[in-house]
Amino acid sequence: MSELTSTTVLPPLPSIPDILTNLRPGLSLLGTADTLGPLADLAGTWVGSGFTLISLPDFDSRPPSTGPKPFRLKLNSTVEILEFDPIGAEVPNRGSTIPNSSAGQPDINIFGLRYLQRIADSVTRQPLHIEPGLWLRVPKTDVPALPETVVRQGTIPHGNSLLALGVAPPPLPLPGGPQIGVVDSTPVKNPPDSTPFGPHYLDPFISPPLPPGFKLPFVKDPNLALKEAIQGQSIVKTVTLSISTAAPVRGPATQVGGIVNMPFDISNANATRLDAVFWIETVQNPDGSTFLQLQYTQTVILNFLAIDWPHISVATLTKQ
């Protein structure tokens, strides 16, 4: 879902204009904690590095493919620019009445940010991923009966669109650093099959050629790279944004999340699920000053050969 090949290099970090046109003077163009809530600190430009792991169908024999064979494992050390720009106005969503009832849902206002994610290989600067989209803050509603949520909408030029949701975190950031769990890159048969994997399916994960900085334990659990990046840091507070395209379904009116793929992807490498956690961290320097750091882990499941292959991306970015 994120492999992009081109001979061009990652564009330079764009300059941020000193003056932006505000078409809605009554609302802060930059967004505030009152309007964006837990998303407020995302506004701006983040730059950093990370790692990606993806298993790809490999029928083609033309480079960079190495087929014909069932798949190949692709590892990259990455550099990344992630930009967030507040929409600058409320987005009204219209509530409706409940049939045969005097009750209903009042209109709500949604606030959010546009984003553009650009990822390239750290050595060649070859682009690997580009993704425009939106992060939204949705207030608590009665119809459907849902708490405040955060939403990420994204589009990827392989022919994929995603909608991932999560419950909004508490109003105040939690003290201390992030609670980073474990992710597992091991493929899983889907539909389930009692026969074991042959060695050619698991061997590439045991001792693959590693790009710069990509340590062998990171292949099994890329989240280890995130934990290593913050060793020795003094993180005084953290906002956690956890989203999924597979959030629980509560009926047709509260269907939440999903990935839509074009026919070629469905037939060849079907993206079926996305789970991601973003941590907005306030890091304290020895002199008492602070800076904002953004870490994330994201797993996209690609299904081909009746196998679910985790495509895992992690990064540690700092706000510019």
C-alpha atoms as a PDB file:
ATOM      1  CA  MET A   1       0.000   0.000   0.000  1.00  0.00           C
ATOM      2  CA  SER A   2       2.989   2.317   0.290  1.00  0.00           C
ATOM      3  CA  GLU A   3       5.591   1.169  -2.236  1.00  0.00           C
ATOM      4  CA  LEU A   4       6.161   3.961  -4.755  1.00  0.00           C
ATOM      5  CA  THR A   5       9.002   3.899  -7.257  1.00  0.00           C
ATOM      6  CA  SER A   6      10.416   6.843  -9.189  1.00  0.00           C
ATOM      7  CA  THR A   7      13.742   8.265 -10.269  1.00  0.00           C
ATOM      8  CA  THR A   8      12.993  11.608  -8.643  1.00  0.00           C
ATOM      9  CA  VAL A   9      14.191  12.541  -5.175  1.00  0.00           C
ATOM     10  CA  LEU A  10      12.261  13.701  -2.124  1.00  0.00           C
ATOM     11  CA  PRO A  11      11.446  17.395  -2.582  1.00  0.00           C
ATOM     12  CA  PRO A  12      13.167  19.837  -0.234  1.00  0.00           C
ATOM     13  CA  LEU A  13      11.346  20.930   2.900  1.00  0.00           C
ATOM     14  CA  PRO A  14       8.901  23.647   1.799  1.00  0.00           C
ATOM     15  CA  SER A  15       9.075  27.124   3.254  1.00  0.00           C
ATOM     16  CA  ILE A  16       6.144  28.203   5.387  1.00  0.00           C
ATOM     17  CA  PRO A  17       4.740  31.600   4.353  1.00  0.00           C
ATOM     18  CA  ASP A  18       4.709  34.300   6.998  1.00  0.00           C
ATOM     19  CA  ILE A  19       1.183  35.374   6.095  1.00  0.00           C
ATOM     20  CA  LEU A  20      -1.687  33.032   5.210  1.00  0.00           C
ATOM     21  CA  THR A  21      -5.021  34.177   3.884  1.00  0.00           C
ATOM     22  CA  ASN A  22      -7.825  33.535   6.354  1.00  0.00           C
ATOM     23  CA  LEU A  23     -11.145  33.326   4.564  1.00  0.00           C
ATOM     24  CA  ARG A  24     -12.984  32.962   7.880  1.00  0.00           C
ATOM     25  CA  PRO A  25     -11.668  35.783  10.143  1.00  0.00           C
ATOM     26  CA  GLY A  26     -13.973  34.717  12.974  1.00  0.00           C
ATOM     27  CA  LEU A  27     -12.038  31.468  13.379  1.00  0.00           C
ATOM     28  CA  SER A  28      -8.326  31.073  14.010  1.00  0.00           C
ATOM     29  CA  LEU A  29      -6.636  29.894  10.840  1.00  0.00           C
ATOM     30  CA  LEU A  30      -4.098  27.897  12.832  1.00  0.00           C
ATOM     31  CA  GLY A  31      -6.685  26.090  14.905  1.00  0.00           C
ATOM     32  CA  THR A  32      -6.843  25.947  18.689  1.00  0.00           C
ATOM     33  CA  ALA A  33      -7.195  23.374  21.431  1.00  0.00           C
ATOM     34  CA  ASP A  34     -10.873  24.398  21.646  1.00  0.00           C
ATOM     35  CA  THR A  35     -11.498  23.504  17.989  1.00  0.00           C
ATOM     36  CA  LEU A  36      -8.974  20.742  17.300  1.00  0.00           C
ATOM     37  CA  GLY A  37      -8.806  19.191  20.766  1.00  0.00           C
ATOM     38  CA  PRO A  38      -6.252  16.336  20.850  1.00  0.00           C
ATOM     39  CA  LEU A  39      -5.225  17.126  17.259  1.00  0.00           C
ATOM     40  CA  ALA A  40      -4.129  20.706  17.997  1.00  0.00           C
ATOM     41  CA  ASP A  41      -0.405  19.986  18.407  1.00  0.00           C
ATOM     42  CA  LEU A  42      -0.249  18.207  15.041  1.00  0.00           C
ATOM     43  CA  ALA A  43      -0.447  21.529  13.185  1.00  0.00           C
ATOM     44  CA  GLY A  44       2.852  22.306  11.470  1.00  0.00           C
ATOM     45  CA  THR A  45       5.653  20.396   9.778  1.00  0.00           C
ATOM     46  CA  TRP A  46       7.383  17.323  11.184  1.00  0.00           C
ATOM     47  CA  VAL A  47      10.642  15.838   9.880  1.00  0.00           C
ATOM     48  CA  GLY A  48      12.451  12.666  10.888  1.00  0.00           C
ATOM     49  CA  SER A  49      13.291   9.080  10.049  1.00  0.00           C
ATOM     50  CA  GLY A  50      12.018   5.551  10.450  1.00  0.00           C
ATOM     51  CA  PHE A  51      11.724   2.089   8.940  1.00  0.00           C
ATOM     52  CA  THR A  52       9.281   0.166   6.740  1.00  0.00           C
ATOM     53  CA  LEU A  53       8.752  -3.549   6.192  1.00  0.00           C
ATOM     54  CA  ILE A  54       6.540  -4.901   3.421  1.00  0.00           C
ATOM     55  CA  SER A  55       6.031  -8.256   1.698  1.00  0.00           C
ATOM     56  CA  LEU A  56       5.258  -7.890  -2.011  1.00  0.00           C
ATOM     57  CA  PRO A  57       3.928 -10.242  -4.694  1.00  0.00           C
ATOM     58  CA  ASP A  58       6.883 -11.050  -6.957  1.00  0.00           C
ATOM     59  CA  PHE A  59       5.654 -12.624 -10.179  1.00  0.00           C
ATOM     60  CA  ASP A  60       7.431 -10.078 -12.377  1.00  0.00           C
ATOM     61  CA  SER A  61      11.119 -10.679 -13.165  1.00  0.00           C
ATOM     62  CA  ARG A  62      11.944  -7.068 -14.116  1.00  0.00           C
ATOM     63  CA  PRO A  63      13.965  -5.105 -11.529  1.00  0.00           C
ATOM     64  CA  PRO A  64      13.319  -4.157  -8.805  1.00  0.00           C
ATOM     65  CA  SER A  65      11.231  -7.336  -8.760  1.00  0.00           C
ATOM     66  CA  THR A  66      13.143 -10.610  -8.551  1.00  0.00           C
ATOM     67  CA  GLY A  67      10.487 -13.131  -9.637  1.00  0.00           C
ATOM     68  CA  PRO A  68       8.873 -15.178 -10.678  1.00  0.00           C
ATOM     69  CA  LYS A  69       8.378 -16.346  -7.096  1.00  0.00           C
ATOM     70  CA  PRO A  70       5.566 -15.993  -4.532  1.00  0.00           C
ATOM     71  CA  PHE A  71       6.841 -12.892  -2.732  1.00  0.00           C
ATOM     72  CA  ARG A  72       9.809 -10.800  -1.671  1.00  0.00           C
ATOM     73  CA  LEU A  73      10.499  -8.998   1.584  1.00  0.00           C
ATOM     74  CA  LYS A  74      11.359  -5.315   1.193  1.00  0.00           C
ATOM     75  CA  LEU A  75      13.016  -3.350   4.014  1.00  0.00           C
ATOM     76  CA  ASN A  76      13.774   0.376   3.945  1.00  0.00           C
ATOM     77  CA  SER A  77      15.315   2.879   6.275  1.00  0.00           C
ATOM     78  CA  THR A  78      13.346   6.054   5.642  1.00  0.00           C
ATOM     79  CA  VAL A  79      13.286   9.836   5.865  1.00  0.00           C
ATOM     80  CA  GLU A  80       9.952  11.574   6.170  1.00  0.00           C
ATOM     81  CA  ILE A  81       8.188  14.934   5.960  1.00  0.00           C
ATOM     82  CA  LEU A  82       4.684  15.046   7.470  1.00  0.00           C
ATOM     83  CA  GLU A  83       2.769  18.323   7.150  1.00  0.00           C
ATOM     84  CA  PHE A  84      -0.487  19.301   8.888  1.00  0.00           C
ATOM     85  CA  ASP A  85      -2.498  22.390   7.933  1.00  0.00           C
ATOM     86  CA  PRO A  86      -5.676  23.282   9.887  1.00  0.00           C
ATOM     87  CA  ILE A  87      -8.738  23.550   7.662  1.00  0.00           C
ATOM     88  CA  GLY A  88      -9.430  26.979   9.160  1.00  0.00           C
ATOM     89  CA  ALA A  89     -13.208  26.668   9.382  1.00  0.00           C
ATOM     90  CA  GLU A  90     -15.823  24.449  10.945  1.00  0.00           C
ATOM     91  CA  VAL A  91     -17.343  21.711   8.763  1.00  0.00           C
ATOM     92  CA  PRO A  92     -21.090  21.465   9.513  1.00  0.00           C
ATOM     93  CA  ASN A  93     -22.655  18.008   9.504  1.00  0.00           C
ATOM     94  CA  ARG A  94     -26.459  17.965   9.569  1.00  0.00           C
ATOM     95  CA  GLY A  95     -28.348  15.998  12.186  1.00  0.00           C
ATOM     96  CA  SER A  96     -31.778  14.510  11.522  1.00  0.00           C
ATOM     97  CA  THR A  97     -34.982  13.587  13.320  1.00  0.00           C
ATOM     98  CA  ILE A  98     -35.755  10.080  14.474  1.00  0.00           C
ATOM     99  CA  PRO A  99     -38.803   8.748  12.560  1.00  0.00           C
ATOM    100  CA  ASN A 100     -41.996   8.684  14.612  1.00  0.00           C
ATOM    101  CA  SER A 101     -40.286  10.537  17.442  1.00  0.00           C
ATOM    102  CA  SER A 102     -39.747  14.069  18.694  1.00  0.00           C
ATOM    103  CA  ALA A 103     -36.091  13.247  19.331  1.00  0.00           C
ATOM    104  CA  GLY A 104     -33.210  13.653  16.930  1.00  0.00           C
ATOM    105  CA  GLN A 105     -29.600  14.680  16.464  1.00  0.00           C
ATOM    106  CA  PRO A 106     -28.692  18.395  16.405  1.00  0.00           C
ATOM    107  CA  ASP A 107     -26.180  19.540  13.810  1.00  0.00           C
ATOM    108  CA  ILE A 108     -22.524  19.122  14.713  1.00  0.00           C
ATOM    109  CA  ASN A 109     -19.387  20.974  13.670  1.00  0.00           C
ATOM    110  CA  ILE A 110     -16.300  18.992  12.732  1.00  0.00           C
ATOM    111  CA  PHE A 111     -12.824  20.539  12.881  1.00  0.00           C
ATOM    112  CA  GLY A 112      -9.660  19.105  11.397  1.00  0.00           C
ATOM    113  CA  LEU A 113      -6.396  19.340   9.540  1.00  0.00           C
ATOM    114  CA  ARG A 114      -5.267  18.502   6.045  1.00  0.00           C
ATOM    115  CA  TYR A 115      -2.090  16.433   5.908  1.00  0.00           C
ATOM    116  CA  LEU A 116       0.517  15.418   3.372  1.00  0.00           C
ATOM    117  CA  GLN A 117       2.891  12.553   4.154  1.00  0.00           C
ATOM    118  CA  ARG A 118       6.021  12.012   2.053  1.00  0.00           C
ATOM    119  CA  ILE A 119       8.427   9.150   2.740  1.00  0.00           C
ATOM    120  CA  ALA A 120      11.651   8.325   0.880  1.00  0.00           C
ATOM    121  CA  ASP A 121      14.496   5.826   1.206  1.00  0.00           C
ATOM    122  CA  SER A 122      17.150   7.297   3.489  1.00  0.00           C
ATOM    123  CA  VAL A 123      20.039   6.248   1.220  1.00  0.00           C
ATOM    124  CA  THR A 124      18.785   6.742  -2.346  1.00  0.00           C
ATOM    125  CA  ARG A 125      16.125   9.397  -1.546  1.00  0.00           C
ATOM    126  CA  GLN A 126      13.841   7.404  -3.840  1.00  0.00           C
ATOM    127  CA  PRO A 127      10.181   8.124  -2.982  1.00  0.00           C
ATOM    128  CA  LEU A 128       8.389   5.263  -1.242  1.00  0.00           C
ATOM    129  CA  HIS A 129       5.061   6.758  -0.196  1.00  0.00           C
ATOM    130  CA  ILE A 130       2.913   9.845  -0.654  1.00  0.00           C
ATOM    131  CA  GLU A 131      -0.436  10.300   1.062  1.00  0.00           C
ATOM    132  CA  PRO A 132      -2.742  13.324   1.239  1.00  0.00           C
ATOM    133  CA  GLY A 133      -5.659  13.261   3.618  1.00  0.00           C
ATOM    134  CA  LEU A 134      -7.481  14.670   6.631  1.00  0.00           C
ATOM    135  CA  TRP A 135      -7.488  14.250  10.389  1.00  0.00           C
ATOM    136  CA  LEU A 136     -10.858  15.177  11.925  1.00  0.00           C
ATOM    137  CA  ARG A 137     -12.225  15.777  15.408  1.00  0.00           C
ATOM    138  CA  VAL A 138     -15.837  14.607  15.696  1.00  0.00           C
ATOM    139  CA  PRO A 139     -17.824  15.577  18.820  1.00  0.00           C
ATOM    140  CA  LYS A 140     -19.871  13.237  20.967  1.00  0.00           C
ATOM    141  CA  THR A 141     -23.217  12.412  19.329  1.00  0.00           C
ATOM    142  CA  ASP A 142     -26.577  10.959  20.365  1.00  0.00           C
ATOM    143  CA  VAL A 143     -27.438   9.530  16.932  1.00  0.00           C
ATOM    144  CA  PRO A 144     -25.439   7.367  16.683  1.00  0.00           C
ATOM    145  CA  ALA A 145     -24.569   7.100  20.370  1.00  0.00           C
ATOM    146  CA  LEU A 146     -20.812   7.594  20.175  1.00  0.00           C
ATOM    147  CA  PRO A 147     -18.199   9.386  22.289  1.00  0.00           C
ATOM    148  CA  GLU A 148     -15.928  12.028  20.804  1.00  0.00           C
ATOM    149  CA  THR A 149     -13.831  10.431  18.072  1.00  0.00           C
ATOM    150  CA  VAL A 150     -10.867  11.184  15.854  1.00  0.00           C
ATOM    151  CA  VAL A 151     -10.901  10.234  12.185  1.00  0.00           C
ATOM    152  CA  ARG A 152      -8.185   9.860   9.588  1.00  0.00           C
ATOM    153  CA  GLN A 153      -9.095   9.844   5.909  1.00  0.00           C
ATOM    154  CA  GLY A 154      -6.310   9.118   3.437  1.00  0.00           C
ATOM    155  CA  THR A 155      -5.711   8.344  -0.229  1.00  0.00           C
ATOM    156  CA  ILE A 156      -2.759   6.417  -1.639  1.00  0.00           C
ATOM    157  CA  PRO A 157      -1.880   6.460  -5.366  1.00  0.00           C
ATOM    158  CA  HIS A 158      -1.906   2.670  -5.622  1.00  0.00           C
ATOM    159  CA  GLY A 159      -5.705   2.969  -5.819  1.00  0.00           C
ATOM    160  CA  ASN A 160      -6.526   2.790  -2.090  1.00  0.00           C
ATOM    161  CA  SER A 161      -8.644   5.010   0.156  1.00  0.00           C
ATOM    162  CA  LEU A 162      -8.927   4.569   3.907  1.00  0.00           C
ATOM    163  CA  LEU A 163     -11.150   5.696   6.756  1.00  0.00           C
ATOM    164  CA  ALA A 164      -9.791   4.926  10.227  1.00  0.00           C
ATOM    165  CA  LEU A 165     -11.384   5.948  13.519  1.00  0.00           C
ATOM    166  CA  GLY A 166     -10.635   5.936  17.207  1.00  0.00           C
ATOM    167  CA  VAL A 167     -12.025   7.251  20.477  1.00  0.00           C
ATOM    168  CA  ALA A 168     -10.576  10.666  21.302  1.00  0.00           C
ATOM    169  CA  PRO A 169      -7.999  10.615  24.115  1.00  0.00           C
ATOM    170  CA  PRO A 170      -8.593  12.409  27.471  1.00  0.00           C
ATOM    171  CA  PRO A 171      -8.704  16.231  27.331  1.00  0.00           C
ATOM    172  CA  LEU A 172      -5.372  16.537  29.162  1.00  0.00           C
ATOM    173  CA  PRO A 173      -2.211  14.767  27.949  1.00  0.00           C
ATOM    174  CA  LEU A 174      -1.129  11.875  30.141  1.00  0.00           C
ATOM    175  CA  PRO A 175       2.073  12.473  32.085  1.00  0.00           C
ATOM    176  CA  GLY A 176       5.171  10.554  31.065  1.00  0.00           C
ATOM    177  CA  GLY A 177       6.204   8.768  27.904  1.00  0.00           C
ATOM    178  CA  PRO A 178       4.261   6.584  25.475  1.00  0.00           C
ATOM    179  CA  GLN A 179       3.199   3.023  26.161  1.00  0.00           C
ATOM    180  CA  ILE A 180       4.579   1.326  23.036  1.00  0.00           C
ATOM    181  CA  GLY A 181       3.433  -2.244  22.576  1.00  0.00           C
ATOM    182  CA  VAL A 182       4.590  -5.052  20.296  1.00  0.00           C
ATOM    183  CA  VAL A 183       3.892  -5.549  16.594  1.00  0.00           C
ATOM    184  CA  ASP A 184       4.611  -8.782  14.756  1.00  0.00           C
ATOM    185  CA  SER A 185       5.674  -9.022  11.113  1.00  0.00           C
ATOM    186  CA  THR A 186       4.992 -12.780  10.862  1.00  0.00           C
ATOM    187  CA  PRO A 187       2.593 -13.643   8.000  1.00  0.00           C
ATOM    188  CA  VAL A 188      -0.610 -15.514   8.868  1.00  0.00           C
ATOM    189  CA  LYS A 189      -2.702 -17.758   6.636  1.00  0.00           C
ATOM    190  CA  ASN A 190      -6.104 -16.278   5.809  1.00  0.00           C
ATOM    191  CA  PRO A 191      -8.357 -18.159   5.315  1.00  0.00           C
ATOM    192  CA  PRO A 192      -6.827 -20.371   8.050  1.00  0.00           C
ATOM    193  CA  ASP A 193      -5.033 -23.481   6.900  1.00  0.00           C
ATOM    194  CA  SER A 194      -3.663 -26.214   9.161  1.00  0.00           C
ATOM    195  CA  THR A 195      -0.685 -26.922   6.897  1.00  0.00           C
ATOM    196  CA  PRO A 196       2.555 -25.237   8.021  1.00  0.00           C
ATOM    197  CA  PHE A 197       4.364 -22.578   6.025  1.00  0.00           C
ATOM    198  CA  GLY A 198       7.206 -23.843   3.887  1.00  0.00           C
ATOM    199  CA  PRO A 199      10.674 -22.498   4.769  1.00  0.00           C
ATOM    200  CA  HIS A 200      10.736 -20.220   1.715  1.00  0.00           C
ATOM    201  CA  TYR A 201       7.879 -18.219   3.271  1.00  0.00           C
ATOM    202  CA  LEU A 202       9.527 -17.596   6.655  1.00  0.00           C
ATOM    203  CA  ASP A 203      13.265 -17.694   5.864  1.00  0.00           C
ATOM    204  CA  PRO A 204      13.378 -14.116   4.464  1.00  0.00           C
ATOM    205  CA  PHE A 205      12.296 -12.828   7.909  1.00  0.00           C
ATOM    206  CA  ILE A 206      15.079 -14.641   9.779  1.00  0.00           C
ATOM    207  CA  SER A 207      18.226 -13.004   8.436  1.00  0.00           C
ATOM    208  CA  PRO A 208      17.513 -10.600   5.545  1.00  0.00           C
ATOM    209  CA  PRO A 209      19.950  -8.012   4.154  1.00  0.00           C
ATOM    210  CA  LEU A 210      19.482  -4.933   6.324  1.00  0.00           C
ATOM    211  CA  PRO A 211      19.517  -1.273   5.218  1.00  0.00           C
ATOM    212  CA  PRO A 212      21.438   1.258   7.353  1.00  0.00           C
ATOM    213  CA  GLY A 213      20.217   1.434  10.937  1.00  0.00           C
ATOM    214  CA  PHE A 214      17.721  -1.419  10.451  1.00  0.00           C
ATOM    215  CA  LYS A 215      18.684  -3.838  13.222  1.00  0.00           C
ATOM    216  CA  LEU A 216      17.774  -7.509  12.964  1.00  0.00           C
ATOM    217  CA  PRO A 217      15.354  -7.470  15.952  1.00  0.00           C
ATOM    218  CA  PHE A 218      13.420  -4.685  14.182  1.00  0.00           C
ATOM    219  CA  VAL A 219      12.393  -7.198  11.470  1.00  0.00           C
ATOM    220  CA  LYS A 220      10.284  -9.195  13.926  1.00  0.00           C
ATOM    221  CA  ASP A 221       9.049  -6.149  15.892  1.00  0.00           C
ATOM    222  CA  PRO A 222       9.633  -2.741  14.235  1.00  0.00           C
ATOM    223  CA  ASN A 223       8.268  -1.020  17.344  1.00  0.00           C
ATOM    224  CA  LEU A 224      11.639  -1.760  18.964  1.00  0.00           C
ATOM    225  CA  ALA A 225      13.013   1.071  16.809  1.00  0.00           C
ATOM    226  CA  LEU A 226      10.566   3.507  18.429  1.00  0.00           C
ATOM    227  CA  LYS A 227      11.555   2.402  21.921  1.00  0.00           C
ATOM    228  CA  GLU A 228      15.225   2.737  21.063  1.00  0.00           C
ATOM    229  CA  ALA A 229      14.712   6.257  19.661  1.00  0.00           C
ATOM    230  CA  ILE A 230      13.405   7.592  22.989  1.00  0.00           C
ATOM    231  CA  GLN A 231      15.857   5.867  25.302  1.00  0.00           C
ATOM    232  CA  GLY A 232      17.343   8.459  27.613  1.00  0.00           C
ATOM    233  CA  GLN A 233      14.763  11.121  26.740  1.00  0.00           C
ATOM    234  CA  SER A 234      12.715  12.903  29.379  1.00  0.00           C
ATOM    235  CA  ILE A 235       9.175  12.785  27.993  1.00  0.00           C
ATOM    236  CA  VAL A 236       6.938  14.769  30.314  1.00  0.00           C
ATOM    237  CA  LYS A 237       3.551  14.209  28.634  1.00  0.00           C
ATOM    238  CA  THR A 238       2.026  12.260  25.746  1.00  0.00           C
ATOM    239  CA  VAL A 239      -1.151  12.486  23.655  1.00  0.00           C
ATOM    240  CA  THR A 240      -2.058   9.099  22.154  1.00  0.00           C
ATOM    241  CA  LEU A 241      -4.139   8.840  18.955  1.00  0.00           C
ATOM    242  CA  SER A 242      -5.123   5.232  18.279  1.00  0.00           C
ATOM    243  CA  ILE A 243      -7.102   4.512  15.105  1.00  0.00           C
ATOM    244  CA  SER A 244      -8.238   1.507  13.092  1.00  0.00           C
ATOM    245  CA  THR A 245     -10.240   0.707   9.976  1.00  0.00           C
ATOM    246  CA  ALA A 246     -11.590  -2.315  11.869  1.00  0.00           C
ATOM    247  CA  ALA A 247     -13.178  -0.570  14.850  1.00  0.00           C
ATOM    248  CA  PRO A 248     -16.153  -2.445  16.343  1.00  0.00           C
ATOM    249  CA  VAL A 249     -19.318  -2.341  14.265  1.00  0.00           C
ATOM    250  CA  ARG A 250     -22.500  -1.339  16.092  1.00  0.00           C
ATOM    251  CA  GLY A 251     -24.953  -1.679  13.232  1.00  0.00           C
ATOM    252  CA  PRO A 252     -25.492   0.042   9.867  1.00  0.00           C
ATOM    253  CA  ALA A 253     -25.768   3.562  11.300  1.00  0.00           C
ATOM    254  CA  THR A 254     -22.478   3.225  13.173  1.00  0.00           C
ATOM    255  CA  GLN A 255     -20.446   1.296  10.631  1.00  0.00           C
ATOM    256  CA  VAL A 256     -16.928   2.575  11.213  1.00  0.00           C
ATOM    257  CA  GLY A 257     -13.752   2.360   9.216  1.00  0.00           C
ATOM    258  CA  GLY A 258     -12.653   0.573   6.097  1.00  0.00           C
ATOM    259  CA  ILE A 259     -10.316   0.460   3.106  1.00  0.00           C
ATOM    260  CA  VAL A 260     -11.555   0.707  -0.487  1.00  0.00           C
ATOM    261  CA  ASN A 261      -9.272  -0.692  -3.203  1.00  0.00           C
ATOM    262  CA  MET A 262      -9.357  -0.628  -6.992  1.00  0.00           C
ATOM    263  CA  PRO A 263      -9.868  -4.005  -8.758  1.00  0.00           C
ATOM    264  CA  PHE A 264      -6.169  -4.568  -9.556  1.00  0.00           C
ATOM    265  CA  ASP A 265      -5.259  -4.313  -5.868  1.00  0.00           C
ATOM    266  CA  ILE A 266      -8.093  -6.592  -4.770  1.00  0.00           C
ATOM    267  CA  SER A 267      -6.892  -9.295  -7.152  1.00  0.00           C
ATOM    268  CA  ASN A 268      -3.156  -8.976  -6.522  1.00  0.00           C
ATOM    269  CA  ALA A 269      -2.447  -7.487  -3.069  1.00  0.00           C
ATOM    270  CA  ASN A 270      -5.641  -6.600  -1.245  1.00  0.00           C
ATOM    271  CA  ALA A 271      -5.246  -4.076   1.599  1.00  0.00           C
ATOM    272  CA  THR A 272      -7.811  -5.263   4.151  1.00  0.00           C
ATOM    273  CA  ARG A 273      -7.043  -3.470   7.412  1.00  0.00           C
ATOM    274  CA  LEU A 274      -5.081  -0.575   8.917  1.00  0.00           C
ATOM    275  CA  ASP A 275      -4.179  -0.097  12.580  1.00  0.00           C
ATOM    276  CA  ALA A 276      -2.078   2.845  13.734  1.00  0.00           C
ATOM    277  CA  VAL A 277      -1.015   4.629  16.898  1.00  0.00           C
ATOM    278  CA  PHE A 278       0.398   8.179  16.910  1.00  0.00           C
ATOM    279  CA  TRP A 279       2.103   9.570  20.005  1.00  0.00           C
ATOM    280  CA  ILE A 280       2.519  13.360  20.339  1.00  0.00           C
ATOM    281  CA  GLU A 281       5.277  13.666  22.928  1.00  0.00           C
ATOM    282  CA  THR A 282       6.536  16.692  24.842  1.00  0.00           C
ATOM    283  CA  VAL A 283      10.254  16.117  25.418  1.00  0.00           C
ATOM    284  CA  GLN A 284      12.168  18.090  28.020  1.00  0.00           C
ATOM    285  CA  ASN A 285      15.798  19.086  27.421  1.00  0.00           C
ATOM    286  CA  PRO A 286      18.349  19.179  30.265  1.00  0.00           C
ATOM    287  CA  ASP A 287      18.012  22.989  30.406  1.00  0.00           C
ATOM    288  CA  GLY A 288      14.262  22.717  31.020  1.00  0.00           C
ATOM    289  CA  SER A 289      13.157  23.743  27.519  1.00  0.00           C
ATOM    290  CA  THR A 290      10.853  21.415  25.589  1.00  0.00           C
ATOM    291  CA  PHE A 291      10.150  20.327  22.043  1.00  0.00           C
ATOM    292  CA  LEU A 292       7.420  18.282  20.370  1.00  0.00           C
ATOM    293  CA  GLN A 293       8.123  14.844  18.968  1.00  0.00           C
ATOM    294  CA  LEU A 294       5.775  12.612  16.975  1.00  0.00           C
ATOM    295  CA  GLN A 295       6.147   8.833  16.882  1.00  0.00           C
ATOM    296  CA  TYR A 296       3.877   6.402  15.098  1.00  0.00           C
ATOM    297  CA  THR A 297       3.487   2.753  14.300  1.00  0.00           C
ATOM    298  CA  GLN A 298       1.206   1.603  11.486  1.00  0.00           C
ATOM    299  CA  THR A 299       0.305  -1.871  10.278  1.00  0.00           C
ATOM    300  CA  VAL A 300      -1.535  -2.469   6.996  1.00  0.00           C
ATOM    301  CA  ILE A 301      -2.582  -6.034   6.213  1.00  0.00           C
ATOM    302  CA  LEU A 302      -2.037  -7.068   2.580  1.00  0.00           C
ATOM    303  CA  ASN A 303      -3.713 -10.303   1.534  1.00  0.00           C
ATOM    304  CA  PHE A 304      -2.353 -12.380  -1.357  1.00  0.00           C
ATOM    305  CA  LEU A 305      -1.667 -16.095  -1.797  1.00  0.00           C
ATOM    306  CA  ALA A 306      -4.370 -16.586   0.890  1.00  0.00           C
ATOM    307  CA  ILE A 307      -1.921 -15.080   3.412  1.00  0.00           C
ATOM    308  CA  ASP A 308      -2.142 -11.907   5.510  1.00  0.00           C
ATOM    309  CA  TRP A 309       1.187 -10.058   5.234  1.00  0.00           C
ATOM    310  CA  PRO A 310       1.764  -7.232   7.781  1.00  0.00           C
ATOM    311  CA  HIS A 311       3.155  -4.085   6.175  1.00  0.00           C
ATOM    312  CA  ILE A 312       4.620  -2.159   9.119  1.00  0.00           C
ATOM    313  CA  SER A 313       5.878   1.432   9.148  1.00  0.00           C
ATOM    314  CA  VAL A 314       7.377   3.290  12.122  1.00  0.00           C
ATOM    315  CA  ALA A 315       8.929   6.741  12.450  1.00  0.00           C
ATOM    316  CA  THR A 316      10.162   9.308  14.950  1.00  0.00           C
ATOM    317  CA  LEU A 317       9.688  12.936  13.829  1.00  0.00           C
ATOM    318  CA  THR A 318      10.317  16.329  15.416  1.00  0.00           C
ATOM    319  CA  LYS A 319       8.281  19.473  14.901  1.00  0.00           C
ATOM    320  CA  GLN A 320      10.081  22.166  12.935  1.00  0.00           C
END
